[in-house]
C-alpha atoms as a PDB file:
ATOM      1  CA  MET A   1       0.000   0.000   0.000  1.00  0.00           C
ATOM      2  CA  SER A   2       1.381   3.403  -0.958  1.00  0.00           C
ATOM      3  CA  GLN A   3       1.966   6.018   1.716  1.00  0.00           C
ATOM      4  CA  GLN A   4      -0.873   8.142   0.321  1.00  0.00           C
ATOM      5  CA  ALA A   5      -3.298   5.207   0.295  1.00  0.00           C
ATOM      6  CA  GLU A   6      -2.305   4.292   3.850  1.00  0.00           C
ATOM      7  CA  HIS A   7      -2.808   7.919   4.912  1.00  0.00           C
ATOM      8  CA  GLU A   8      -6.341   7.923   3.471  1.00  0.00           C
ATOM      9  CA  GLU A   9      -7.076   4.552   5.094  1.00  0.00           C
ATOM     10  CA  ILE A  10      -6.056   5.864   8.514  1.00  0.00           C
ATOM     11  CA  LYS A  11      -8.106   9.038   8.021  1.00  0.00           C
ATOM     12  CA  LYS A  12     -11.174   6.962   7.238  1.00  0.00           C
ATOM     13  CA  LYS A  13     -10.552   4.765  10.277  1.00  0.00           C
ATOM     14  CA  ILE A  14     -10.232   7.626  12.761  1.00  0.00           C
ATOM     15  CA  LEU A  15     -12.819  10.147  11.516  1.00  0.00           C
ATOM     16  CA  THR A  16     -15.502   8.562  13.688  1.00  0.00           C
ATOM     17  CA  THR A  17     -13.440   8.938  16.884  1.00  0.00           C
ATOM     18  CA  GLY A  18     -14.081  12.677  17.241  1.00  0.00           C
ATOM     19  CA  ILE A  19     -10.351  13.403  17.032  1.00  0.00           C
ATOM     20  CA  ARG A  20     -10.937  16.621  15.069  1.00  0.00           C
ATOM     21  CA  VAL A  21     -13.963  17.932  16.985  1.00  0.00           C
ATOM     22  CA  GLY A  22     -12.924  20.850  19.154  1.00  0.00           C
ATOM     23  CA  THR A  23     -14.829  23.210  21.435  1.00  0.00           C
ATOM     24  CA  GLU A  24     -16.927  26.363  20.941  1.00  0.00           C
ATOM     25  CA  VAL A  25     -13.885  28.468  21.781  1.00  0.00           C
ATOM     26  CA  LYS A  26     -10.773  29.094  19.699  1.00  0.00           C
ATOM     27  CA  THR A  27      -7.583  30.722  20.969  1.00  0.00           C
ATOM     28  CA  LYS A  28      -5.179  32.673  18.767  1.00  0.00           C
ATOM     29  CA  PHE A  29      -2.682  29.830  19.242  1.00  0.00           C
ATOM     30  CA  MET A  30      -5.012  27.234  17.697  1.00  0.00           C
ATOM     31  CA  ILE A  31      -6.390  29.258  14.752  1.00  0.00           C
ATOM     32  CA  PRO A  32      -3.776  27.802  12.301  1.00  0.00           C
ATOM     33  CA  TYR A  33      -5.089  24.287  12.989  1.00  0.00           C
ATOM     34  CA  ILE A  34      -8.816  25.027  12.635  1.00  0.00           C
ATOM     35  CA  THR A  35     -10.704  24.511   9.368  1.00  0.00           C
ATOM     36  CA  GLN A  36     -14.273  25.554  10.191  1.00  0.00           C
ATOM     37  CA  ALA A  37     -17.079  25.324  12.734  1.00  0.00           C
ATOM     38  CA  ASN A  38     -19.689  22.569  12.503  1.00  0.00           C
ATOM     39  CA  PRO A  39     -23.472  23.241  12.651  1.00  0.00           C
ATOM     40  CA  GLU A  40     -23.378  22.818  16.459  1.00  0.00           C
ATOM     41  CA  GLY A  41     -20.864  25.652  16.695  1.00  0.00           C
ATOM     42  CA  LEU A  42     -17.883  23.461  17.552  1.00  0.00           C
ATOM     43  CA  TYR A  43     -14.612  24.288  15.824  1.00  0.00           C
ATOM     44  CA  LEU A  44     -13.107  21.496  13.720  1.00  0.00           C
ATOM     45  CA  LEU A  45      -9.379  20.787  13.521  1.00  0.00           C
ATOM     46  CA  ASP A  46      -7.544  19.994  10.306  1.00  0.00           C
ATOM     47  CA  LEU A  47      -7.039  16.222  10.392  1.00  0.00           C
ATOM     48  CA  ASP A  48      -4.154  16.322   7.887  1.00  0.00           C
ATOM     49  CA  ILE A  49      -2.245  18.697  10.166  1.00  0.00           C
ATOM     50  CA  THR A  50      -2.996  16.467  13.176  1.00  0.00           C
ATOM     51  CA  LEU A  51      -1.644  13.373  11.402  1.00  0.00           C
ATOM     52  CA  ASP A  52       1.380  15.305  10.176  1.00  0.00           C
ATOM     53  CA  ARG A  53       2.105  16.581  13.696  1.00  0.00           C
ATOM     54  CA  ILE A  54       1.822  13.049  15.119  1.00  0.00           C
ATOM     55  CA  GLN A  55       4.484  11.930  12.622  1.00  0.00           C
ATOM     56  CA  THR A  56       6.684  14.893  13.563  1.00  0.00           C
ATOM     57  CA  ALA A  57       6.191  14.164  17.277  1.00  0.00           C
ATOM     58  CA  ALA A  58       7.139  10.502  16.761  1.00  0.00           C
ATOM     59  CA  ARG A  59      10.357  11.501  14.971  1.00  0.00           C
ATOM     60  CA  PHE A  60      11.146  13.937  17.790  1.00  0.00           C
ATOM     61  CA  ILE A  61      10.463  11.338  20.519  1.00  0.00           C
ATOM     62  CA  LYS A  62      12.734   8.826  18.782  1.00  0.00           C
ATOM     63  CA  LYS A  63      15.690  11.196  19.208  1.00  0.00           C
ATOM     64  CA  PHE A  64      15.558  10.580  22.966  1.00  0.00           C
ATOM     65  CA  ASP A  65      16.182   7.567  25.180  1.00  0.00           C
ATOM     66  CA  ILE A  66      12.544   6.439  25.496  1.00  0.00           C
ATOM     67  CA  LYS A  67      13.068   5.576  29.173  1.00  0.00           C
ATOM     68  CA  LYS A  68      13.776   9.273  29.742  1.00  0.00           C
ATOM     69  CA  VAL A  69      10.431  10.318  28.234  1.00  0.00           C
ATOM     70  CA  ILE A  70       7.576  10.999  30.682  1.00  0.00           C
ATOM     71  CA  VAL A  71       3.972  10.875  29.490  1.00  0.00           C
ATOM     72  CA  TYR A  72       1.812  12.737  31.975  1.00  0.00           C
ATOM     73  CA  SER A  73      -1.871  13.518  32.356  1.00  0.00           C
ATOM     74  CA  GLY A  74      -4.124  14.647  35.152  1.00  0.00           C
ATOM     75  CA  ARG A  75      -7.143  13.778  32.981  1.00  0.00           C
ATOM     76  CA  SER A  76      -8.688  10.422  33.856  1.00  0.00           C
ATOM     77  CA  TYR A  77      -9.740   9.633  30.267  1.00  0.00           C
ATOM     78  CA  ALA A  78      -6.040   9.659  29.331  1.00  0.00           C
ATOM     79  CA  THR A  79      -5.182   6.880  31.824  1.00  0.00           C
ATOM     80  CA  THR A  80      -5.571   3.819  29.586  1.00  0.00           C
ATOM     81  CA  PRO A  81      -4.149   5.501  26.448  1.00  0.00           C
ATOM     82  CA  ILE A  82      -1.018   6.496  28.371  1.00  0.00           C
ATOM     83  CA  GLU A  83      -0.666   3.088  30.060  1.00  0.00           C
ATOM     84  CA  LYS A  84      -0.876   1.289  26.696  1.00  0.00           C
ATOM     85  CA  PHE A  85       1.434   3.801  25.005  1.00  0.00           C
ATOM     86  CA  CYS A  86       4.055   3.378  27.718  1.00  0.00           C
ATOM     87  CA  GLU A  87       3.698  -0.412  27.725  1.00  0.00           C
ATOM     88  CA  LEU A  88       4.415  -0.524  23.983  1.00  0.00           C
ATOM     89  CA  THR A  89       7.137   2.120  23.766  1.00  0.00           C
ATOM     90  CA  GLY A  90       8.914   1.888  27.122  1.00  0.00           C
ATOM     91  CA  ALA A  91       8.232   5.520  28.061  1.00  0.00           C
ATOM     92  CA  GLU A  92       7.510   6.368  31.710  1.00  0.00           C
ATOM     93  CA  LYS A  93       3.903   7.069  32.690  1.00  0.00           C
ATOM     94  CA  MET A  94       2.851   9.619  35.267  1.00  0.00           C
ATOM     95  CA  LEU A  95      -0.852   9.858  36.089  1.00  0.00           C
ATOM     96  CA  GLY A  96      -3.142  11.740  38.452  1.00  0.00           C
ATOM     97  CA  ARG A  97      -2.154  14.799  40.445  1.00  0.00           C
ATOM     98  CA  PHE A  98       1.198  16.290  39.487  1.00  0.00           C
ATOM     99  CA  MET A  99       3.227  16.629  42.682  1.00  0.00           C
ATOM    100  CA  PRO A 100       4.886  20.062  42.935  1.00  0.00           C
ATOM    101  CA  GLY A 101       8.662  19.843  42.640  1.00  0.00           C
ATOM    102  CA  THR A 102       8.625  16.607  40.599  1.00  0.00           C
ATOM    103  CA  LEU A 103      10.836  18.144  37.898  1.00  0.00           C
ATOM    104  CA  THR A 104      12.489  20.950  39.867  1.00  0.00           C
ATOM    105  CA  ASN A 105      13.362  19.807  43.403  1.00  0.00           C
ATOM    106  CA  PRO A 106      16.148  17.151  43.549  1.00  0.00           C
ATOM    107  CA  SER A 107      15.673  16.663  47.306  1.00  0.00           C
ATOM    108  CA  LEU A 108      12.210  15.140  46.837  1.00  0.00           C
ATOM    109  CA  PRO A 109      11.879  11.307  46.766  1.00  0.00           C
ATOM    110  CA  TYR A 110       9.740  11.466  43.604  1.00  0.00           C
ATOM    111  CA  TYR A 111      12.058  13.887  41.756  1.00  0.00           C
ATOM    112  CA  SER A 112      12.487  12.973  38.101  1.00  0.00           C
ATOM    113  CA  GLU A 113      14.858  14.130  35.366  1.00  0.00           C
ATOM    114  CA  PRO A 114      13.227  13.320  32.017  1.00  0.00           C
ATOM    115  CA  LYS A 115      14.642  14.535  28.716  1.00  0.00           C
ATOM    116  CA  LEU A 116      11.166  15.075  27.250  1.00  0.00           C
ATOM    117  CA  ILE A 117       7.614  15.327  28.597  1.00  0.00           C
ATOM    118  CA  ILE A 118       4.336  14.658  26.782  1.00  0.00           C
ATOM    119  CA  VAL A 119       1.101  16.126  28.178  1.00  0.00           C
ATOM    120  CA  SER A 120      -2.521  15.550  27.210  1.00  0.00           C
ATOM    121  CA  ASP A 121      -4.027  18.934  28.016  1.00  0.00           C
ATOM    122  CA  PRO A 122      -2.123  22.208  28.548  1.00  0.00           C
ATOM    123  CA  GLN A 123      -4.861  23.454  30.886  1.00  0.00           C
ATOM    124  CA  VAL A 124      -5.209  20.367  33.109  1.00  0.00           C
ATOM    125  CA  ASP A 125      -1.462  19.685  33.054  1.00  0.00           C
ATOM    126  CA  ALA A 126      -0.354  23.288  33.687  1.00  0.00           C
ATOM    127  CA  GLN A 127       1.815  22.442  36.735  1.00  0.00           C
ATOM    128  CA  ALA A 128       3.823  19.877  34.751  1.00  0.00           C
ATOM    129  CA  ILE A 129       4.282  22.376  31.909  1.00  0.00           C
ATOM    130  CA  THR A 130       5.464  25.128  34.267  1.00  0.00           C
ATOM    131  CA  GLU A 131       8.029  22.831  35.897  1.00  0.00           C
ATOM    132  CA  ALA A 132       9.237  21.380  32.591  1.00  0.00           C
ATOM    133  CA  THR A 133       9.676  24.920  31.242  1.00  0.00           C
ATOM    134  CA  ASN A 134      11.656  25.949  34.347  1.00  0.00           C
ATOM    135  CA  ALA A 135      13.817  22.825  34.064  1.00  0.00           C
ATOM    136  CA  GLY A 136      14.444  23.353  30.328  1.00  0.00           C
ATOM    137  CA  ILE A 137      12.680  20.124  29.339  1.00  0.00           C
ATOM    138  CA  PRO A 138      10.986  20.152  25.898  1.00  0.00           C
ATOM    139  CA  ILE A 139       7.218  19.594  25.921  1.00  0.00           C
ATOM    140  CA  ILE A 140       4.918  17.910  23.406  1.00  0.00           C
ATOM    141  CA  GLY A 141       1.256  18.634  24.092  1.00  0.00           C
ATOM    142  CA  ILE A 142      -2.091  17.515  22.708  1.00  0.00           C
ATOM    143  CA  ALA A 143      -4.070  20.741  22.377  1.00  0.00           C
ATOM    144  CA  ASN A 144      -7.746  21.458  21.729  1.00  0.00           C
ATOM    145  CA  THR A 145      -9.163  24.553  20.030  1.00  0.00           C
ATOM    146  CA  ASP A 146      -9.482  26.415  23.353  1.00  0.00           C
ATOM    147  CA  ASN A 147      -5.971  25.703  24.672  1.00  0.00           C
ATOM    148  CA  VAL A 148      -3.095  28.123  25.209  1.00  0.00           C
ATOM    149  CA  THR A 149       0.018  26.543  23.725  1.00  0.00           C
ATOM    150  CA  SER A 150       2.675  29.227  24.256  1.00  0.00           C
ATOM    151  CA  LYS A 151       4.815  26.944  26.463  1.00  0.00           C
ATOM    152  CA  LEU A 152       4.623  23.868  24.222  1.00  0.00           C
ATOM    153  CA  ASP A 153       7.542  23.037  21.933  1.00  0.00           C
ATOM    154  CA  LEU A 154       5.387  20.866  19.688  1.00  0.00           C
ATOM    155  CA  VAL A 155       1.601  20.995  19.408  1.00  0.00           C
ATOM    156  CA  ILE A 156      -0.530  18.009  18.364  1.00  0.00           C
ATOM    157  CA  PRO A 157      -3.908  19.599  17.561  1.00  0.00           C
ATOM    158  CA  ALA A 158      -6.660  17.174  18.591  1.00  0.00           C
ATOM    159  CA  ASN A 159      -9.717  16.722  20.764  1.00  0.00           C
ATOM    160  CA  ASN A 160      -8.116  16.070  24.171  1.00  0.00           C
ATOM    161  CA  ARG A 161     -11.388  15.620  26.083  1.00  0.00           C
ATOM    162  CA  GLY A 162     -12.960  12.520  24.521  1.00  0.00           C
ATOM    163  CA  ARG A 163     -12.151   8.926  25.461  1.00  0.00           C
ATOM    164  CA  LYS A 164     -12.046   7.727  21.856  1.00  0.00           C
ATOM    165  CA  SER A 165     -10.078  10.723  20.664  1.00  0.00           C
ATOM    166  CA  LEU A 166      -7.369  10.425  23.328  1.00  0.00           C
ATOM    167  CA  ALA A 167      -7.124   6.697  22.619  1.00  0.00           C
ATOM    168  CA  THR A 168      -6.708   7.472  18.911  1.00  0.00           C
ATOM    169  CA  VAL A 169      -3.961  10.079  19.381  1.00  0.00           C
ATOM    170  CA  TYR A 170      -1.863   7.817  21.611  1.00  0.00           C
ATOM    171  CA  TRP A 171      -2.501   4.796  19.355  1.00  0.00           C
ATOM    172  CA  LEU A 172      -1.347   6.741  16.292  1.00  0.00           C
ATOM    173  CA  LEU A 173       1.696   8.056  18.134  1.00  0.00           C
ATOM    174  CA  ALA A 174       2.699   4.583  19.347  1.00  0.00           C
ATOM    175  CA  ARG A 175       2.165   3.215  15.839  1.00  0.00           C
ATOM    176  CA  GLU A 176       4.484   5.849  14.350  1.00  0.00           C
ATOM    177  CA  ILE A 177       7.184   5.232  16.952  1.00  0.00           C
ATOM    178  CA  LEU A 178       7.057   1.439  16.582  1.00  0.00           C
ATOM    179  CA  GLN A 179       6.842   1.223  12.808  1.00  0.00           C
ATOM    180  CA  ASP A 180      10.544   0.428  12.410  1.00  0.00           C
ATOM    181  CA  SER A 181      10.754  -2.232  15.071  1.00  0.00           C
ATOM    182  CA  GLU A 182       7.537  -4.181  15.530  1.00  0.00           C
ATOM    183  CA  THR A 183       3.886  -4.313  14.604  1.00  0.00           C
ATOM    184  CA  MET A 184       1.189  -2.891  16.812  1.00  0.00           C
ATOM    185  CA  LYS A 185      -0.513  -5.568  18.898  1.00  0.00           C
ATOM    186  CA  TYR A 186      -3.375  -3.292  19.965  1.00  0.00           C
ATOM    187  CA  GLU A 187      -6.249  -1.601  18.184  1.00  0.00           C
ATOM    188  CA  ILE A 188      -7.606   1.857  19.041  1.00  0.00           C
ATOM    189  CA  GLU A 189     -10.336   0.256  21.198  1.00  0.00           C
ATOM    190  CA  ASP A 190      -7.655  -1.303  23.413  1.00  0.00           C
ATOM    191  CA  PHE A 191      -6.293   2.172  24.144  1.00  0.00           C
ATOM    192  CA  GLU A 192      -9.665   3.453  25.303  1.00  0.00           C
ATOM    193  CA  THR A 193     -10.440   4.141  28.966  1.00  0.00           C
ATOM    194  CA  LYS A 194     -13.669   2.272  29.619  1.00  0.00           C
ATOM    195  CA  THR A 195     -16.454   4.297  31.251  1.00  0.00           C
ATOM    196  CA  ALA A 196     -16.716   1.823  34.114  1.00  0.00           C
ATOM    197  CA  GLU A 197     -13.096   2.595  35.014  1.00  0.00           C
ATOM    198  CA  VAL A 198     -13.675   6.287  35.483  1.00  0.00           C
ATOM    199  CA  GLU A 199     -16.320   8.644  36.742  1.00  0.00           C
ATOM    200  CA  GLU A 200     -17.944  10.616  33.962  1.00  0.00           C
ATOM    201  CA  GLU A 201     -16.041  13.856  33.498  1.00  0.00           C
ATOM    202  CA  LEU A 202     -17.897  17.135  33.259  1.00  0.00           C
END
């Protein structure tokens, strides 16, 4: 299958996951990634840019020792996607509340010195972003239409609120990283946080 055909195949596969459906708000940072608003008034992200950014992010991640890459989220819907991503790639997962000083205070028992950090939502994960910025650690972030991305080094524009969408982004990212070494043993559904595992988010 040609690269173009594969690209179209993937697009078809993921369109139903809501990966490109944003919010009713757009920030100046996210305007370049937005194509239009849908009839419900939600801004839609450009799927081609999203897929392109996932490829770029994968190439960037591969420049680092994967064990020195932290994938963090305080959003419960990101739990399973991050666990599966880290299981497949060998990156380090960090979930739940971000403990102050994790990246900046060497005297703390949970202090960590990653070379790269990946976050799922610049708003929810603001503490991690602040500390990574202060420590000079590059940041990749999944950003929705209403996010402020000024502190991110690389933006992956995508719906970062939905279960299916978060599963899709991390599945695609893992797939890109692993393409040289092994085949993916999971489907997008396997990356999805099941509703029984988590209280419904507002």
